Structure formats: C-alpha cells, structure tokens
C-alpha cells in the first residue's frame, strides 16, 4: 500500500505560523484537495508535502509496500503555475530533459506526450514563445505522465481556457489512477472534482 502521511506539520515565516498542526493521510483511494484563498498558505503546504520545503515542525513520510521512502522528492511530480520552465529549450528538448529527471510512465515517450498536449505544431519552438496556457499544459503533462506514485497539483487550471479545462479533466480521468493525488485550489471545483477528502488551510492557523 502507498501512503503519504503528515504528522503535526507546521510551517512558519519570520517566527509567525503559516499553518500548524496539520495531520493528513492520503492514499490512492483518497485523493485530497487543500482549499484556501490566495495567500492562505496552501501552496506552502503543498511544497512542504513535496519535500521542496523543510517543515518548521512535524514530519512528512511516504510509505510504499510497507517501506518508508528516504528521498521523498524523487517520488513526487508537481505541477504549479509558478514552476519555471527552461524557456531557451524547445518543447522537444525540454521533454527530453524532463524524462531524465522523471522517467515517463510505461508506454509513453516524448512524441506521444507532445500529441497528448496538442502541441505538435509547437514542438520545435522555444518555450519562451509559448502562451501562458501552453506552458501550463506542458507543466501538467510532465507531472501527469511522470512515473511517480505521488502527483501534486497547485491550481492546475490556472491560465487554461474552457477547452484547456476540459482537456485537464480528461487528463486526470486517465492518469490519476493508482497514484496519491493532492490538489491545492481556491474553491475551483473543476480542479478537484475527483477528490474525496478535503483539508481547509484556514482550520490550521
């Protein structure tokens, strides 16, 4: 069984708590959403769960088949609008780079992922020329197709138009199964339509 567990998790900045006392357990059967307004700390909590930030207090652990994973960050894929892309790379170059960091799920390669994102015509264009919506699709396919047991999504429909949101829903329907999935959202239900468990960041102030 795969399980992500947070115990008495606290994060602080300038000696002030951003959140405190978070206890959370997530499995592939309990996709979870972290709800909160902009600036409430939900992104900070997601980064802490991802291992990108050390907790001020408490702990985060990932257990796979009864064994605790030591390098948490290596087993997690994160998509967020604030994650910078290497904009001097073309899409093909960037996906090749990504596949070295996180191998793709079985049966997938760079060309199939380009097609999945509907970016065939832009495959040899540098990312700095992509629109904000195109960049968000790149972030989402990288995370969704990475062969990791944990998928974290921070406001995943940011910069997506109606067609892009429909594409995101289909992407999640096909690629969230058998993984731990946590979404951070400011009440946009289309981002977390599949989540069975909720955590409101305001309850941990």
C-alpha atoms as a PDB file:
ATOM      1  CA  UNK A   1       0.000   0.000   0.000  1.00  0.00           C
ATOM      2  CA  UNK A   2       1.176   3.516  -0.835  1.00  0.00           C
ATOM      3  CA  UNK A   3       0.600   6.178   1.806  1.00  0.00           C
ATOM      4  CA  UNK A   4       1.644   9.820   2.256  1.00  0.00           C
ATOM      5  CA  UNK A   5       1.490  10.850   5.901  1.00  0.00           C
ATOM      6  CA  UNK A   6       1.906  14.259   7.539  1.00  0.00           C
ATOM      7  CA  UNK A   7       2.178  14.448  11.312  1.00  0.00           C
ATOM      8  CA  UNK A   8       1.749  17.693  13.293  1.00  0.00           C
ATOM      9  CA  UNK A   9       3.091  19.588  10.288  1.00  0.00           C
ATOM     10  CA  UNK A  10       3.896  23.261  10.835  1.00  0.00           C
ATOM     11  CA  UNK A  11       5.433  25.924   8.629  1.00  0.00           C
ATOM     12  CA  UNK A  12       6.496  29.401   9.720  1.00  0.00           C
ATOM     13  CA  UNK A  13       7.951  32.594   8.283  1.00  0.00           C
ATOM     14  CA  UNK A  14       9.569  35.332  10.367  1.00  0.00           C
ATOM     15  CA  UNK A  15       8.515  33.478  13.521  1.00  0.00           C
ATOM     16  CA  UNK A  16       4.858  33.510  12.507  1.00  0.00           C
ATOM     17  CA  UNK A  17       2.972  30.316  11.707  1.00  0.00           C
ATOM     18  CA  UNK A  18       1.682  29.954   8.175  1.00  0.00           C
ATOM     19  CA  UNK A  19      -0.112  26.790   9.283  1.00  0.00           C
ATOM     20  CA  UNK A  20       0.293  24.462  12.244  1.00  0.00           C
ATOM     21  CA  UNK A  21      -0.788  21.053  13.453  1.00  0.00           C
ATOM     22  CA  UNK A  22      -1.621  19.531  10.071  1.00  0.00           C
ATOM     23  CA  UNK A  23      -2.258  15.791  10.295  1.00  0.00           C
ATOM     24  CA  UNK A  24      -3.019  14.174   6.969  1.00  0.00           C
ATOM     25  CA  UNK A  25      -3.004  10.715   5.440  1.00  0.00           C
ATOM     26  CA  UNK A  26      -3.524  10.223   1.715  1.00  0.00           C
ATOM     27  CA  UNK A  27      -3.647   7.002  -0.292  1.00  0.00           C
ATOM     28  CA  UNK A  28      -4.542   6.333  -3.943  1.00  0.00           C
ATOM     29  CA  UNK A  29      -8.093   5.664  -2.716  1.00  0.00           C
ATOM     30  CA  UNK A  30      -8.431   9.081  -1.041  1.00  0.00           C
ATOM     31  CA  UNK A  31      -7.499  11.872  -3.492  1.00  0.00           C
ATOM     32  CA  UNK A  32      -7.362  15.066  -1.462  1.00  0.00           C
ATOM     33  CA  UNK A  33      -7.856  18.793  -2.005  1.00  0.00           C
ATOM     34  CA  UNK A  34      -6.281  21.569   0.057  1.00  0.00           C
ATOM     35  CA  UNK A  35      -8.680  24.518  -0.029  1.00  0.00           C
ATOM     36  CA  UNK A  36      -7.821  28.115   0.739  1.00  0.00           C
ATOM     37  CA  UNK A  37      -7.825  31.667  -0.552  1.00  0.00           C
ATOM     38  CA  UNK A  38      -4.859  33.176  -2.362  1.00  0.00           C
ATOM     39  CA  UNK A  39      -2.046  33.786   0.102  1.00  0.00           C
ATOM     40  CA  UNK A  40      -3.525  31.446   2.719  1.00  0.00           C
ATOM     41  CA  UNK A  41      -0.583  29.034   2.704  1.00  0.00           C
ATOM     42  CA  UNK A  42      -1.952  26.168   0.642  1.00  0.00           C
ATOM     43  CA  UNK A  43       0.943  26.337  -1.851  1.00  0.00           C
ATOM     44  CA  UNK A  44       3.409  26.364   1.042  1.00  0.00           C
ATOM     45  CA  UNK A  45       1.746  23.249   2.454  1.00  0.00           C
ATOM     46  CA  UNK A  46       1.909  21.541  -0.940  1.00  0.00           C
ATOM     47  CA  UNK A  47       5.621  22.385  -1.286  1.00  0.00           C
ATOM     48  CA  UNK A  48       6.233  21.024   2.208  1.00  0.00           C
ATOM     49  CA  UNK A  49       4.439  17.783   1.355  1.00  0.00           C
ATOM     50  CA  UNK A  50       6.552  17.581  -1.811  1.00  0.00           C
ATOM     51  CA  UNK A  51       9.787  17.830   0.147  1.00  0.00           C
ATOM     52  CA  UNK A  52      10.672  21.127  -1.521  1.00  0.00           C
ATOM     53  CA  UNK A  53      10.470  22.924   1.849  1.00  0.00           C
ATOM     54  CA  UNK A  54      11.654  21.567   5.181  1.00  0.00           C
ATOM     55  CA  UNK A  55       8.886  21.672   7.794  1.00  0.00           C
ATOM     56  CA  UNK A  56       9.325  24.067  10.688  1.00  0.00           C
ATOM     57  CA  UNK A  57       7.835  21.364  12.897  1.00  0.00           C
ATOM     58  CA  UNK A  58       6.411  17.906  12.269  1.00  0.00           C
ATOM     59  CA  UNK A  59       7.187  15.383   9.559  1.00  0.00           C
ATOM     60  CA  UNK A  60       6.171  14.063   6.151  1.00  0.00           C
ATOM     61  CA  UNK A  61       6.682  10.443   5.124  1.00  0.00           C
ATOM     62  CA  UNK A  62       5.917   8.314   2.085  1.00  0.00           C
ATOM     63  CA  UNK A  63       5.462   4.576   2.531  1.00  0.00           C
ATOM     64  CA  UNK A  64       5.367   2.126  -0.377  1.00  0.00           C
ATOM     65  CA  UNK A  65       4.568  -1.534   0.331  1.00  0.00           C
ATOM     66  CA  UNK A  66       5.325  -1.009   3.995  1.00  0.00           C
ATOM     67  CA  UNK A  67       8.738   0.583   3.428  1.00  0.00           C
ATOM     68  CA  UNK A  68       9.381   4.273   4.075  1.00  0.00           C
ATOM     69  CA  UNK A  69      10.934   6.140   1.144  1.00  0.00           C
ATOM     70  CA  UNK A  70      14.036   8.167   2.011  1.00  0.00           C
ATOM     71  CA  UNK A  71      14.219  10.537  -0.975  1.00  0.00           C
ATOM     72  CA  UNK A  72      10.666  11.842  -0.923  1.00  0.00           C
ATOM     73  CA  UNK A  73      11.104  14.434  -3.682  1.00  0.00           C
ATOM     74  CA  UNK A  74      12.241  11.790  -6.194  1.00  0.00           C
ATOM     75  CA  UNK A  75       8.876  10.011  -5.939  1.00  0.00           C
ATOM     76  CA  UNK A  76       6.739  13.103  -6.432  1.00  0.00           C
ATOM     77  CA  UNK A  77       5.677  15.017  -9.548  1.00  0.00           C
ATOM     78  CA  UNK A  78       4.453  18.583  -9.007  1.00  0.00           C
ATOM     79  CA  UNK A  79       2.658  20.896 -11.427  1.00  0.00           C
ATOM     80  CA  UNK A  80       2.192  24.544 -10.469  1.00  0.00           C
ATOM     81  CA  UNK A  81       1.898  27.797 -12.440  1.00  0.00           C
ATOM     82  CA  UNK A  82       4.879  29.274 -10.559  1.00  0.00           C
ATOM     83  CA  UNK A  83       7.277  26.499 -11.607  1.00  0.00           C
ATOM     84  CA  UNK A  84       9.693  27.954 -14.130  1.00  0.00           C
ATOM     85  CA  UNK A  85      10.328  26.198 -17.427  1.00  0.00           C
ATOM     86  CA  UNK A  86      13.681  26.304 -19.218  1.00  0.00           C
ATOM     87  CA  UNK A  87      12.487  28.825 -21.760  1.00  0.00           C
ATOM     88  CA  UNK A  88      15.519  28.607 -24.055  1.00  0.00           C
ATOM     89  CA  UNK A  89      14.661  24.952 -24.748  1.00  0.00           C
ATOM     90  CA  UNK A  90      12.267  23.834 -27.426  1.00  0.00           C
ATOM     91  CA  UNK A  91       9.420  21.635 -26.249  1.00  0.00           C
ATOM     92  CA  UNK A  92      11.179  18.513 -27.544  1.00  0.00           C
ATOM     93  CA  UNK A  93      14.395  19.487 -25.758  1.00  0.00           C
ATOM     94  CA  UNK A  94      12.541  20.232 -22.547  1.00  0.00           C
ATOM     95  CA  UNK A  95      10.690  16.907 -22.536  1.00  0.00           C
ATOM     96  CA  UNK A  96      13.968  15.063 -23.141  1.00  0.00           C
ATOM     97  CA  UNK A  97      15.400  16.880 -20.130  1.00  0.00           C
ATOM     98  CA  UNK A  98      12.308  16.066 -18.047  1.00  0.00           C
ATOM     99  CA  UNK A  99      12.449  12.374 -18.924  1.00  0.00           C
ATOM    100  CA  UNK A 100      15.931  12.197 -17.413  1.00  0.00           C
ATOM    101  CA  UNK A 101      14.625  13.661 -14.146  1.00  0.00           C
ATOM    102  CA  UNK A 102      11.441  11.589 -14.017  1.00  0.00           C
ATOM    103  CA  UNK A 103      11.054   8.678 -16.475  1.00  0.00           C
ATOM    104  CA  UNK A 104       7.718   8.549 -18.259  1.00  0.00           C
ATOM    105  CA  UNK A 105       5.009   6.045 -17.429  1.00  0.00           C
ATOM    106  CA  UNK A 106       5.197   2.769 -19.329  1.00  0.00           C
ATOM    107  CA  UNK A 107       4.161   3.105 -22.960  1.00  0.00           C
ATOM    108  CA  UNK A 108       4.809   6.847 -23.186  1.00  0.00           C
ATOM    109  CA  UNK A 109       7.535   8.802 -24.936  1.00  0.00           C
ATOM    110  CA  UNK A 110       8.206  12.431 -25.828  1.00  0.00           C
ATOM    111  CA  UNK A 111       6.306  12.342 -29.117  1.00  0.00           C
ATOM    112  CA  UNK A 112       3.191  10.804 -27.578  1.00  0.00           C
ATOM    113  CA  UNK A 113       3.255  13.406 -24.819  1.00  0.00           C
ATOM    114  CA  UNK A 114       3.523  16.233 -27.361  1.00  0.00           C
ATOM    115  CA  UNK A 115       0.435  14.818 -29.084  1.00  0.00           C
ATOM    116  CA  UNK A 116      -1.391  14.447 -25.769  1.00  0.00           C
ATOM    117  CA  UNK A 117      -0.831  18.148 -25.071  1.00  0.00           C
ATOM    118  CA  UNK A 118      -1.962  19.114 -28.615  1.00  0.00           C
ATOM    119  CA  UNK A 119       1.358  20.887 -29.159  1.00  0.00           C
ATOM    120  CA  UNK A 120       2.634  19.142 -32.296  1.00  0.00           C
ATOM    121  CA  UNK A 121       2.920  22.388 -34.261  1.00  0.00           C
ATOM    122  CA  UNK A 122       4.937  23.992 -31.444  1.00  0.00           C
ATOM    123  CA  UNK A 123       7.247  21.052 -30.724  1.00  0.00           C
ATOM    124  CA  UNK A 124      10.349  22.773 -32.127  1.00  0.00           C
ATOM    125  CA  UNK A 125       9.515  26.226 -30.804  1.00  0.00           C
ATOM    126  CA  UNK A 126      11.351  27.645 -27.793  1.00  0.00           C
ATOM    127  CA  UNK A 127       9.197  27.680 -24.673  1.00  0.00           C
ATOM    128  CA  UNK A 128       9.659  31.424 -24.219  1.00  0.00           C
ATOM    129  CA  UNK A 129       7.350  31.887 -27.195  1.00  0.00           C
ATOM    130  CA  UNK A 130       4.566  29.753 -25.682  1.00  0.00           C
ATOM    131  CA  UNK A 131       1.411  31.351 -24.309  1.00  0.00           C
ATOM    132  CA  UNK A 132       0.668  31.006 -20.593  1.00  0.00           C
ATOM    133  CA  UNK A 133      -1.929  28.338 -21.374  1.00  0.00           C
ATOM    134  CA  UNK A 134       0.511  26.321 -23.476  1.00  0.00           C
ATOM    135  CA  UNK A 135       3.105  26.489 -20.696  1.00  0.00           C
ATOM    136  CA  UNK A 136       0.552  25.244 -18.190  1.00  0.00           C
ATOM    137  CA  UNK A 137      -0.263  22.275 -20.418  1.00  0.00           C
ATOM    138  CA  UNK A 138       3.466  21.452 -20.543  1.00  0.00           C
ATOM    139  CA  UNK A 139       3.660  21.526 -16.738  1.00  0.00           C
ATOM    140  CA  UNK A 140       0.592  19.320 -16.419  1.00  0.00           C
ATOM    141  CA  UNK A 141       1.664  16.643 -18.892  1.00  0.00           C
ATOM    142  CA  UNK A 142       5.118  16.476 -17.299  1.00  0.00           C
ATOM    143  CA  UNK A 143       3.577  15.788 -13.892  1.00  0.00           C
ATOM    144  CA  UNK A 144       0.739  13.554 -15.076  1.00  0.00           C
ATOM    145  CA  UNK A 145       2.932  11.312 -17.232  1.00  0.00           C
ATOM    146  CA  UNK A 146       5.902  11.097 -14.864  1.00  0.00           C
ATOM    147  CA  UNK A 147       6.247   7.591 -13.442  1.00  0.00           C
ATOM    148  CA  UNK A 148       5.813   8.613  -9.804  1.00  0.00           C
ATOM    149  CA  UNK A 149       3.475   7.305  -7.094  1.00  0.00           C
ATOM    150  CA  UNK A 150       2.573  10.838  -5.980  1.00  0.00           C
ATOM    151  CA  UNK A 151       1.052  13.639  -8.081  1.00  0.00           C
ATOM    152  CA  UNK A 152       0.684  17.138  -6.614  1.00  0.00           C
ATOM    153  CA  UNK A 153      -1.241  19.860  -8.452  1.00  0.00           C
ATOM    154  CA  UNK A 154      -1.312  23.517  -7.418  1.00  0.00           C
ATOM    155  CA  UNK A 155      -4.222  25.413  -9.006  1.00  0.00           C
ATOM    156  CA  UNK A 156      -3.935  23.202 -12.102  1.00  0.00           C
ATOM    157  CA  UNK A 157      -6.416  25.075 -14.304  1.00  0.00           C
ATOM    158  CA  UNK A 158      -4.552  28.391 -13.956  1.00  0.00           C
ATOM    159  CA  UNK A 159      -4.153  30.039 -17.383  1.00  0.00           C
ATOM    160  CA  UNK A 160      -6.344  27.420 -19.089  1.00  0.00           C
ATOM    161  CA  UNK A 161      -9.323  28.425 -21.219  1.00  0.00           C
ATOM    162  CA  UNK A 162     -12.542  26.408 -21.410  1.00  0.00           C
ATOM    163  CA  UNK A 163     -11.065  23.958 -23.899  1.00  0.00           C
ATOM    164  CA  UNK A 164      -7.966  23.625 -21.747  1.00  0.00           C
ATOM    165  CA  UNK A 165     -10.018  22.896 -18.621  1.00  0.00           C
ATOM    166  CA  UNK A 166     -11.918  20.151 -20.457  1.00  0.00           C
ATOM    167  CA  UNK A 167      -8.538  18.750 -21.537  1.00  0.00           C
ATOM    168  CA  UNK A 168      -7.342  18.807 -17.904  1.00  0.00           C
ATOM    169  CA  UNK A 169     -10.408  16.837 -16.767  1.00  0.00           C
ATOM    170  CA  UNK A 170      -9.735  14.176 -19.394  1.00  0.00           C
ATOM    171  CA  UNK A 171      -6.038  14.103 -18.441  1.00  0.00           C
ATOM    172  CA  UNK A 172      -6.929  13.459 -14.805  1.00  0.00           C
ATOM    173  CA  UNK A 173      -9.532  10.835 -15.671  1.00  0.00           C
ATOM    174  CA  UNK A 174      -6.846   8.874 -17.499  1.00  0.00           C
ATOM    175  CA  UNK A 175      -3.676   9.480 -15.463  1.00  0.00           C
ATOM    176  CA  UNK A 176      -4.508   9.913 -11.768  1.00  0.00           C
ATOM    177  CA  UNK A 177      -5.456   6.308 -11.099  1.00  0.00           C
ATOM    178  CA  UNK A 178      -3.352   4.225  -8.694  1.00  0.00           C
ATOM    179  CA  UNK A 179      -1.493   7.329  -7.518  1.00  0.00           C
ATOM    180  CA  UNK A 180      -1.649   9.561  -4.487  1.00  0.00           C
ATOM    181  CA  UNK A 181      -3.113  12.842  -5.760  1.00  0.00           C
ATOM    182  CA  UNK A 182      -3.307  16.114  -3.816  1.00  0.00           C
ATOM    183  CA  UNK A 183      -4.712  19.297  -5.364  1.00  0.00           C
ATOM    184  CA  UNK A 184      -4.386  22.825  -3.954  1.00  0.00           C
ATOM    185  CA  UNK A 185      -7.291  25.019  -5.044  1.00  0.00           C
ATOM    186  CA  UNK A 186      -9.099  28.243  -4.184  1.00  0.00           C
ATOM    187  CA  UNK A 187     -12.552  26.653  -4.486  1.00  0.00           C
ATOM    188  CA  UNK A 188     -12.463  25.969  -8.246  1.00  0.00           C
ATOM    189  CA  UNK A 189     -14.364  22.690  -8.211  1.00  0.00           C
ATOM    190  CA  UNK A 190     -13.293  21.702 -11.713  1.00  0.00           C
ATOM    191  CA  UNK A 191      -9.748  21.374 -10.371  1.00  0.00           C
ATOM    192  CA  UNK A 192     -10.656  18.834  -7.696  1.00  0.00           C
ATOM    193  CA  UNK A 193     -13.854  17.193  -8.980  1.00  0.00           C
ATOM    194  CA  UNK A 194     -12.395  13.741  -8.224  1.00  0.00           C
ATOM    195  CA  UNK A 195     -11.216  14.444  -4.652  1.00  0.00           C
ATOM    196  CA  UNK A 196     -12.873  12.553  -1.793  1.00  0.00           C
ATOM    197  CA  UNK A 197     -11.057  14.239   1.097  1.00  0.00           C
ATOM    198  CA  UNK A 198     -10.800  17.950   1.921  1.00  0.00           C
ATOM    199  CA  UNK A 199      -8.458  19.986   4.097  1.00  0.00           C
ATOM    200  CA  UNK A 200      -9.163  23.668   4.672  1.00  0.00           C
ATOM    201  CA  UNK A 201      -5.961  25.551   5.382  1.00  0.00           C
ATOM    202  CA  UNK A 202      -7.856  28.123   7.482  1.00  0.00           C
ATOM    203  CA  UNK A 203      -8.538  25.386  10.053  1.00  0.00           C
ATOM    204  CA  UNK A 204      -4.808  25.159  10.815  1.00  0.00           C
ATOM    205  CA  UNK A 205      -3.930  28.772  11.593  1.00  0.00           C
END
